[in-house]
Amino acid sequence: MRVLDMFWMSNENWFYFDGLVPKIREDAPREAKESFKNYLKQLKERNSAADQ
């Protein structure tokens, strides 16, 4: 099993939850935004693999 990229969650000031959906803040550092982008990509890949 692949470990998800969770760096973006290492600082509570970088993200928030909109209901149950995590969102990255505009003022988060570039590294956190890239980590969040990788996280979403990994989730999408994981979900598409589970559907097959």
PDB file of N, CA and C in Angstrom:
ATOM      1  N   MET A   1       0.836  -1.181   0.000  1.00  0.00           N
ATOM      2  CA  MET A   1       0.000   0.000   0.000  1.00  0.00           C
ATOM      3  C   MET A   1       0.883   1.248   0.000  1.00  0.00           C
ATOM      4  N   ARG A   2       0.480   2.203  -0.748  1.00  0.00           N
ATOM      5  CA  ARG A   2       1.232   3.442  -0.898  1.00  0.00           C
ATOM      6  C   ARG A   2       0.855   4.444   0.201  1.00  0.00           C
ATOM      7  N   VAL A   3       1.840   5.132   0.739  1.00  0.00           N
ATOM      8  CA  VAL A   3       1.592   6.135   1.774  1.00  0.00           C
ATOM      9  C   VAL A   3       1.209   7.446   1.099  1.00  0.00           C
ATOM     10  N   LEU A   4       0.098   8.034   1.549  1.00  0.00           N
ATOM     11  CA  LEU A   4      -0.363   9.297   0.985  1.00  0.00           C
ATOM     12  C   LEU A   4       0.536  10.447   1.431  1.00  0.00           C
ATOM     13  N   ASP A   5       0.684  11.433   0.571  1.00  0.00           N
ATOM     14  CA  ASP A   5       1.456  12.631   0.867  1.00  0.00           C
ATOM     15  C   ASP A   5       0.633  13.517   1.798  1.00  0.00           C
ATOM     16  N   MET A   6       1.025  13.614   3.059  1.00  0.00           N
ATOM     17  CA  MET A   6       0.259  14.365   4.048  1.00  0.00           C
ATOM     18  C   MET A   6       1.025  15.566   4.608  1.00  0.00           C
ATOM     19  N   PHE A   7       2.102  15.994   3.949  1.00  0.00           N
ATOM     20  CA  PHE A   7       2.884  17.132   4.441  1.00  0.00           C
ATOM     21  C   PHE A   7       2.015  18.360   4.664  1.00  0.00           C
ATOM     22  N   TRP A   8       1.061  18.579   3.782  1.00  0.00           N
ATOM     23  CA  TRP A   8       0.203  19.752   3.869  1.00  0.00           C
ATOM     24  C   TRP A   8      -0.573  19.819   5.180  1.00  0.00           C
ATOM     25  N   MET A   9      -0.755  18.676   5.861  1.00  0.00           N
ATOM     26  CA  MET A   9      -1.480  18.648   7.132  1.00  0.00           C
ATOM     27  C   MET A   9      -0.568  18.881   8.334  1.00  0.00           C
ATOM     28  N   SER A  10       0.719  19.088   8.108  1.00  0.00           N
ATOM     29  CA  SER A  10       1.649  19.227   9.224  1.00  0.00           C
ATOM     30  C   SER A  10       1.542  20.572   9.932  1.00  0.00           C
ATOM     31  N   ASN A  11       0.805  21.513   9.359  1.00  0.00           N
ATOM     32  CA  ASN A  11       0.616  22.815   9.986  1.00  0.00           C
ATOM     33  C   ASN A  11      -0.856  23.196   9.844  1.00  0.00           C
ATOM     34  N   GLU A  12      -1.536  23.394  10.957  1.00  0.00           N
ATOM     35  CA  GLU A  12      -2.980  23.688  10.931  1.00  0.00           C
ATOM     36  C   GLU A  12      -3.304  25.012  10.246  1.00  0.00           C
ATOM     37  N   ASN A  13      -2.335  25.884  10.078  1.00  0.00           N
ATOM     38  CA  ASN A  13      -2.563  27.175   9.431  1.00  0.00           C
ATOM     39  C   ASN A  13      -2.573  27.068   7.905  1.00  0.00           C
ATOM     40  N   TRP A  14      -2.231  25.915   7.356  1.00  0.00           N
ATOM     41  CA  TRP A  14      -2.139  25.741   5.909  1.00  0.00           C
ATOM     42  C   TRP A  14      -3.425  25.209   5.286  1.00  0.00           C
ATOM     43  N   PHE A  15      -4.334  24.668   6.090  1.00  0.00           N
ATOM     44  CA  PHE A  15      -5.539  24.056   5.532  1.00  0.00           C
ATOM     45  C   PHE A  15      -6.725  24.290   6.453  1.00  0.00           C
ATOM     46  N   TYR A  16      -7.896  24.003   5.928  1.00  0.00           N
ATOM     47  CA  TYR A  16      -9.135  24.040   6.704  1.00  0.00           C
ATOM     48  C   TYR A  16     -10.091  23.018   6.101  1.00  0.00           C
ATOM     49  N   PHE A  17     -11.148  22.730   6.807  1.00  0.00           N
ATOM     50  CA  PHE A  17     -12.151  21.797   6.314  1.00  0.00           C
ATOM     51  C   PHE A  17     -13.411  22.556   5.953  1.00  0.00           C
ATOM     52  N   ASP A  18     -13.897  22.306   4.755  1.00  0.00           N
ATOM     53  CA  ASP A  18     -15.170  22.847   4.290  1.00  0.00           C
ATOM     54  C   ASP A  18     -16.161  21.699   4.419  1.00  0.00           C
ATOM     55  N   GLY A  19     -16.782  21.592   5.579  1.00  0.00           N
ATOM     56  CA  GLY A  19     -17.573  20.405   5.893  1.00  0.00           C
ATOM     57  C   GLY A  19     -16.601  19.274   6.192  1.00  0.00           C
ATOM     58  N   LEU A  20     -16.626  18.235   5.373  1.00  0.00           N
ATOM     59  CA  LEU A  20     -15.690  17.114   5.529  1.00  0.00           C
ATOM     60  C   LEU A  20     -14.562  17.153   4.504  1.00  0.00           C
ATOM     61  N   VAL A  21     -14.570  18.166   3.640  1.00  0.00           N
ATOM     62  CA  VAL A  21     -13.605  18.248   2.546  1.00  0.00           C
ATOM     63  C   VAL A  21     -12.450  19.174   2.935  1.00  0.00           C
ATOM     64  N   PRO A  22     -11.208  18.655   2.912  1.00  0.00           N
ATOM     65  CA  PRO A  22     -10.080  19.537   3.220  1.00  0.00           C
ATOM     66  C   PRO A  22      -9.799  20.496   2.072  1.00  0.00           C
ATOM     67  N   LYS A  23      -9.407  21.696   2.414  1.00  0.00           N
ATOM     68  CA  LYS A  23      -9.051  22.733   1.438  1.00  0.00           C
ATOM     69  C   LYS A  23      -7.722  23.342   1.861  1.00  0.00           C
ATOM     70  N   ILE A  24      -6.893  23.681   0.895  1.00  0.00           N
ATOM     71  CA  ILE A  24      -5.614  24.327   1.183  1.00  0.00           C
ATOM     72  C   ILE A  24      -5.835  25.839   1.187  1.00  0.00           C
ATOM     73  N   ARG A  25      -5.191  26.532   2.084  1.00  0.00           N
ATOM     74  CA  ARG A  25      -5.346  27.987   2.168  1.00  0.00           C
ATOM     75  C   ARG A  25      -4.486  28.667   1.113  1.00  0.00           C
ATOM     76  N   GLU A  26      -4.934  29.805   0.638  1.00  0.00           N
ATOM     77  CA  GLU A  26      -4.203  30.574  -0.373  1.00  0.00           C
ATOM     78  C   GLU A  26      -2.826  31.004   0.121  1.00  0.00           C
ATOM     79  N   ASP A  27      -2.705  31.286   1.417  1.00  0.00           N
ATOM     80  CA  ASP A  27      -1.431  31.774   1.945  1.00  0.00           C
ATOM     81  C   ASP A  27      -0.500  30.648   2.416  1.00  0.00           C
ATOM     82  N   ALA A  28      -0.865  29.404   2.133  1.00  0.00           N
ATOM     83  CA  ALA A  28       0.011  28.277   2.469  1.00  0.00           C
ATOM     84  C   ALA A  28       1.267  28.338   1.605  1.00  0.00           C
ATOM     85  N   PRO A  29       2.395  27.842   2.121  1.00  0.00           N
ATOM     86  CA  PRO A  29       3.619  27.848   1.318  1.00  0.00           C
ATOM     87  C   PRO A  29       3.500  26.937   0.091  1.00  0.00           C
ATOM     88  N   ARG A  30       4.334  27.209  -0.884  1.00  0.00           N
ATOM     89  CA  ARG A  30       4.323  26.451  -2.143  1.00  0.00           C
ATOM     90  C   ARG A  30       4.451  24.947  -1.894  1.00  0.00           C
ATOM     91  N   GLU A  31       5.314  24.561  -0.967  1.00  0.00           N
ATOM     92  CA  GLU A  31       5.523  23.142  -0.684  1.00  0.00           C
ATOM     93  C   GLU A  31       4.244  22.481  -0.180  1.00  0.00           C
ATOM     94  N   ALA A  32       3.490  23.194   0.650  1.00  0.00           N
ATOM     95  CA  ALA A  32       2.233  22.650   1.166  1.00  0.00           C
ATOM     96  C   ALA A  32       1.214  22.523   0.036  1.00  0.00           C
ATOM     97  N   LYS A  33       1.177  23.502  -0.862  1.00  0.00           N
ATOM     98  CA  LYS A  33       0.242  23.444  -2.000  1.00  0.00           C
ATOM     99  C   LYS A  33       0.586  22.287  -2.923  1.00  0.00           C
ATOM    100  N   GLU A  34       1.873  22.072  -3.169  1.00  0.00           N
ATOM    101  CA  GLU A  34       2.300  20.937  -4.008  1.00  0.00           C
ATOM    102  C   GLU A  34       1.955  19.616  -3.331  1.00  0.00           C
ATOM    103  N   SER A  35       2.171  19.544  -2.023  1.00  0.00           N
ATOM    104  CA  SER A  35       1.842  18.344  -1.266  1.00  0.00           C
ATOM    105  C   SER A  35       0.349  18.053  -1.347  1.00  0.00           C
ATOM    106  N   PHE A  36      -0.484  19.088  -1.228  1.00  0.00           N
ATOM    107  CA  PHE A  36      -1.926  18.921  -1.316  1.00  0.00           C
ATOM    108  C   PHE A  36      -2.329  18.443  -2.708  1.00  0.00           C
ATOM    109  N   LYS A  37      -1.692  19.004  -3.724  1.00  0.00           N
ATOM    110  CA  LYS A  37      -1.969  18.588  -5.103  1.00  0.00           C
ATOM    111  C   LYS A  37      -1.614  17.106  -5.284  1.00  0.00           C
ATOM    112  N   ASN A  38      -0.465  16.689  -4.740  1.00  0.00           N
ATOM    113  CA  ASN A  38      -0.063  15.276  -4.813  1.00  0.00           C
ATOM    114  C   ASN A  38      -1.045  14.391  -4.059  1.00  0.00           C
ATOM    115  N   TYR A  39      -1.500  14.855  -2.911  1.00  0.00           N
ATOM    116  CA  TYR A  39      -2.475  14.115  -2.107  1.00  0.00           C
ATOM    117  C   TYR A  39      -3.754  13.868  -2.906  1.00  0.00           C
ATOM    118  N   LEU A  40      -4.284  14.911  -3.542  1.00  0.00           N
ATOM    119  CA  LEU A  40      -5.505  14.763  -4.335  1.00  0.00           C
ATOM    120  C   LEU A  40      -5.295  13.801  -5.510  1.00  0.00           C
ATOM    121  N   LYS A  41      -4.137  13.887  -6.146  1.00  0.00           N
ATOM    122  CA  LYS A  41      -3.822  12.991  -7.256  1.00  0.00           C
ATOM    123  C   LYS A  41      -3.760  11.541  -6.775  1.00  0.00           C
ATOM    124  N   GLN A  42      -3.125  11.327  -5.628  1.00  0.00           N
ATOM    125  CA  GLN A  42      -3.025   9.986  -5.075  1.00  0.00           C
ATOM    126  C   GLN A  42      -4.402   9.432  -4.711  1.00  0.00           C
ATOM    127  N   LEU A  43      -5.268  10.273  -4.145  1.00  0.00           N
ATOM    128  CA  LEU A  43      -6.621   9.826  -3.820  1.00  0.00           C
ATOM    129  C   LEU A  43      -7.374   9.425  -5.074  1.00  0.00           C
ATOM    130  N   LYS A  44      -7.244  10.228  -6.120  1.00  0.00           N
ATOM    131  CA  LYS A  44      -7.926   9.937  -7.376  1.00  0.00           C
ATOM    132  C   LYS A  44      -7.441   8.611  -7.952  1.00  0.00           C
ATOM    133  N   GLU A  45      -6.121   8.395  -7.938  1.00  0.00           N
ATOM    134  CA  GLU A  45      -5.550   7.143  -8.438  1.00  0.00           C
ATOM    135  C   GLU A  45      -6.016   5.954  -7.601  1.00  0.00           C
ATOM    136  N   ARG A  46      -6.046   6.140  -6.289  1.00  0.00           N
ATOM    137  CA  ARG A  46      -6.466   5.063  -5.389  1.00  0.00           C
ATOM    138  C   ARG A  46      -7.925   4.711  -5.641  1.00  0.00           C
ATOM    139  N   ASN A  47      -8.765   5.733  -5.787  1.00  0.00           N
ATOM    140  CA  ASN A  47     -10.191   5.489  -6.022  1.00  0.00           C
ATOM    141  C   ASN A  47     -10.443   4.832  -7.365  1.00  0.00           C
ATOM    142  N   SER A  48      -9.709   5.241  -8.396  1.00  0.00           N
ATOM    143  CA  SER A  48      -9.911   4.638  -9.711  1.00  0.00           C
ATOM    144  C   SER A  48      -9.415   3.192  -9.720  1.00  0.00           C
ATOM    145  N   ALA A  49      -8.366   2.884  -8.961  1.00  0.00           N
ATOM    146  CA  ALA A  49      -7.875   1.507  -8.877  1.00  0.00           C
ATOM    147  C   ALA A  49      -8.865   0.634  -8.115  1.00  0.00           C
ATOM    148  N   ALA A  50      -9.526   1.206  -7.119  1.00  0.00           N
ATOM    149  CA  ALA A  50     -10.507   0.443  -6.329  1.00  0.00           C
ATOM    150  C   ALA A  50     -11.755   0.162  -7.158  1.00  0.00           C
ATOM    151  N   ASP A  51     -12.070   1.025  -8.105  1.00  0.00           N
ATOM    152  CA  ASP A  51     -13.257   0.845  -8.933  1.00  0.00           C
ATOM    153  C   ASP A  51     -13.092  -0.274  -9.959  1.00  0.00           C
ATOM    154  N   GLN A  52     -11.864  -0.648 -10.242  1.00  0.00           N
ATOM    155  CA  GLN A  52     -11.625  -1.657 -11.289  1.00  0.00           C
ATOM    156  C   GLN A  52     -11.750  -3.039 -10.768  1.00  0.00           C
TER     157      GLN A  52
END
